[in-house]
Amino acid sequence: MTKAYLSEEIWKKHGSLSKREAKKAVETVFDIIREKLLDGESTQIKGFGSFIVRQKDSRIGQNLQTGGTVEISARKVVVFKASRNLKRQVQK
């Protein structure tokens, strides 16, 4: 699914919004989530899931081409964890 598809679906289901307003609403939601993640905050959407920023420590990895070891630097990653409700619905 793309942002354009999501905007189109919102526009179809809520006739009071113009296509431009639906697009702006979708972009605003994603901008807010992005800003919170950049600030290191988690974002939870009830019934859907959570976006969490996790810190990964540096570690030693293996270069599969040469067989040698390489250091993988510490970094932050964004993790999505689906809610129990969403997991149950997907399983049906």
C-alpha atoms as a PDB file:
ATOM      1  CA  MET A   1       0.000   0.000   0.000  1.00  0.00           C
ATOM      2  CA  THR A   2       1.249   3.468  -0.832  1.00  0.00           C
ATOM      3  CA  LYS A   3       0.471   6.884   0.627  1.00  0.00           C
ATOM      4  CA  ALA A   4      -1.357   7.726  -2.611  1.00  0.00           C
ATOM      5  CA  TYR A   5      -3.540   4.620  -2.266  1.00  0.00           C
ATOM      6  CA  LEU A   6      -4.260   5.419   1.379  1.00  0.00           C
ATOM      7  CA  SER A   7      -5.208   9.004   0.485  1.00  0.00           C
ATOM      8  CA  GLU A   8      -7.524   7.744  -2.252  1.00  0.00           C
ATOM      9  CA  GLU A   9      -9.259   5.330   0.137  1.00  0.00           C
ATOM     10  CA  ILE A  10      -9.765   8.058   2.748  1.00  0.00           C
ATOM     11  CA  TRP A  11     -11.198  10.348   0.076  1.00  0.00           C
ATOM     12  CA  LYS A  12     -13.616   7.603  -1.093  1.00  0.00           C
ATOM     13  CA  LYS A  13     -14.835   6.778   2.427  1.00  0.00           C
ATOM     14  CA  HIS A  14     -15.180  10.385   3.623  1.00  0.00           C
ATOM     15  CA  GLY A  15     -16.924  12.364   0.934  1.00  0.00           C
ATOM     16  CA  SER A  16     -16.646  15.572   2.944  1.00  0.00           C
ATOM     17  CA  LEU A  17     -12.888  15.701   2.289  1.00  0.00           C
ATOM     18  CA  SER A  18     -11.346  16.742  -0.994  1.00  0.00           C
ATOM     19  CA  LYS A  19      -8.571  14.626  -2.495  1.00  0.00           C
ATOM     20  CA  ARG A  20      -6.080  17.319  -1.529  1.00  0.00           C
ATOM     21  CA  GLU A  21      -7.307  17.345   2.096  1.00  0.00           C
ATOM     22  CA  ALA A  22      -7.152  13.526   2.304  1.00  0.00           C
ATOM     23  CA  LYS A  23      -3.590  13.573   0.968  1.00  0.00           C
ATOM     24  CA  LYS A  24      -2.609  16.298   3.429  1.00  0.00           C
ATOM     25  CA  ALA A  25      -4.141  14.318   6.330  1.00  0.00           C
ATOM     26  CA  VAL A  26      -2.159  11.189   5.447  1.00  0.00           C
ATOM     27  CA  GLU A  27       1.073  13.162   5.059  1.00  0.00           C
ATOM     28  CA  THR A  28       0.458  14.932   8.380  1.00  0.00           C
ATOM     29  CA  VAL A  29      -0.017  11.650  10.242  1.00  0.00           C
ATOM     30  CA  PHE A  30       3.209  10.233   8.804  1.00  0.00           C
ATOM     31  CA  ASP A  31       5.085  13.471   9.523  1.00  0.00           C
ATOM     32  CA  ILE A  32       4.000  13.373  13.175  1.00  0.00           C
ATOM     33  CA  ILE A  33       5.043   9.710  13.537  1.00  0.00           C
ATOM     34  CA  ARG A  34       8.388  10.476  11.839  1.00  0.00           C
ATOM     35  CA  GLU A  35       9.044  13.465  14.134  1.00  0.00           C
ATOM     36  CA  LYS A  36       8.343  11.425  17.272  1.00  0.00           C
ATOM     37  CA  LEU A  37      10.629   8.605  16.114  1.00  0.00           C
ATOM     38  CA  LEU A  38      13.412  11.094  15.324  1.00  0.00           C
ATOM     39  CA  ASP A  39      13.036  12.420  18.884  1.00  0.00           C
ATOM     40  CA  GLY A  40      13.509   8.840  20.140  1.00  0.00           C
ATOM     41  CA  GLU A  41       9.892   8.455  21.259  1.00  0.00           C
ATOM     42  CA  SER A  42       7.717   5.412  20.618  1.00  0.00           C
ATOM     43  CA  THR A  43       4.419   5.807  18.810  1.00  0.00           C
ATOM     44  CA  GLN A  44       1.506   3.556  19.695  1.00  0.00           C
ATOM     45  CA  ILE A  45      -1.671   3.315  17.634  1.00  0.00           C
ATOM     46  CA  LYS A  46      -4.260   1.358  19.644  1.00  0.00           C
ATOM     47  CA  GLY A  47      -5.558  -1.699  17.822  1.00  0.00           C
ATOM     48  CA  PHE A  48      -2.841  -1.434  15.166  1.00  0.00           C
ATOM     49  CA  GLY A  49       0.630  -1.498  16.713  1.00  0.00           C
ATOM     50  CA  SER A  50       3.656   0.400  17.933  1.00  0.00           C
ATOM     51  CA  PHE A  51       6.668   1.953  16.256  1.00  0.00           C
ATOM     52  CA  ILE A  52       9.647   1.771  18.612  1.00  0.00           C
ATOM     53  CA  VAL A  53      13.183   3.163  18.293  1.00  0.00           C
ATOM     54  CA  ARG A  54      15.722   0.655  19.608  1.00  0.00           C
ATOM     55  CA  GLN A  55      19.437   1.089  20.154  1.00  0.00           C
ATOM     56  CA  LYS A  56      21.581  -1.722  18.749  1.00  0.00           C
ATOM     57  CA  ASP A  57      25.035  -2.134  20.252  1.00  0.00           C
ATOM     58  CA  SER A  58      28.123  -2.530  18.103  1.00  0.00           C
ATOM     59  CA  ARG A  59      29.077  -6.110  17.388  1.00  0.00           C
ATOM     60  CA  ILE A  60      31.402  -8.288  15.399  1.00  0.00           C
ATOM     61  CA  GLY A  61      30.003  -9.693  12.155  1.00  0.00           C
ATOM     62  CA  GLN A  62      31.401 -11.855   9.406  1.00  0.00           C
ATOM     63  CA  ASN A  63      32.109 -10.837   5.826  1.00  0.00           C
ATOM     64  CA  LEU A  64      30.663 -13.769   3.893  1.00  0.00           C
ATOM     65  CA  GLN A  65      32.758 -13.084   0.786  1.00  0.00           C
ATOM     66  CA  THR A  66      36.149 -13.041   2.503  1.00  0.00           C
ATOM     67  CA  GLY A  67      35.374 -14.994   5.661  1.00  0.00           C
ATOM     68  CA  GLY A  68      36.952 -12.207   7.722  1.00  0.00           C
ATOM     69  CA  THR A  69      35.389 -10.368  10.593  1.00  0.00           C
ATOM     70  CA  VAL A  70      34.055  -6.827  10.483  1.00  0.00           C
ATOM     71  CA  GLU A  71      32.851  -4.489  13.199  1.00  0.00           C
ATOM     72  CA  ILE A  72      29.227  -3.458  12.823  1.00  0.00           C
ATOM     73  CA  SER A  73      28.814  -0.069  14.463  1.00  0.00           C
ATOM     74  CA  ALA A  74      26.117   0.813  16.985  1.00  0.00           C
ATOM     75  CA  ARG A  75      22.956   2.232  15.472  1.00  0.00           C
ATOM     76  CA  LYS A  76      19.326   2.985  16.076  1.00  0.00           C
ATOM     77  CA  VAL A  77      16.620   0.995  14.313  1.00  0.00           C
ATOM     78  CA  VAL A  78      12.868   1.437  14.012  1.00  0.00           C
ATOM     79  CA  VAL A  79      10.856  -1.637  14.945  1.00  0.00           C
ATOM     80  CA  PHE A  80       7.147  -2.197  14.341  1.00  0.00           C
ATOM     81  CA  LYS A  81       5.281  -4.424  16.769  1.00  0.00           C
ATOM     82  CA  ALA A  82       1.743  -5.372  15.769  1.00  0.00           C
ATOM     83  CA  SER A  83      -0.972  -5.229  18.433  1.00  0.00           C
ATOM     84  CA  ARG A  84      -2.535  -8.446  19.716  1.00  0.00           C
ATOM     85  CA  ASN A  85      -5.801  -7.443  18.091  1.00  0.00           C
ATOM     86  CA  LEU A  86      -4.166  -7.029  14.675  1.00  0.00           C
ATOM     87  CA  LYS A  87      -2.278 -10.316  15.036  1.00  0.00           C
ATOM     88  CA  ARG A  88      -5.538 -12.138  15.846  1.00  0.00           C
ATOM     89  CA  GLN A  89      -7.306 -10.606  12.847  1.00  0.00           C
ATOM     90  CA  VAL A  90      -4.482 -11.603  10.508  1.00  0.00           C
ATOM     91  CA  GLN A  91      -4.566 -15.185  11.817  1.00  0.00           C
ATOM     92  CA  LYS A  92      -8.282 -15.604  10.957  1.00  0.00           C
END
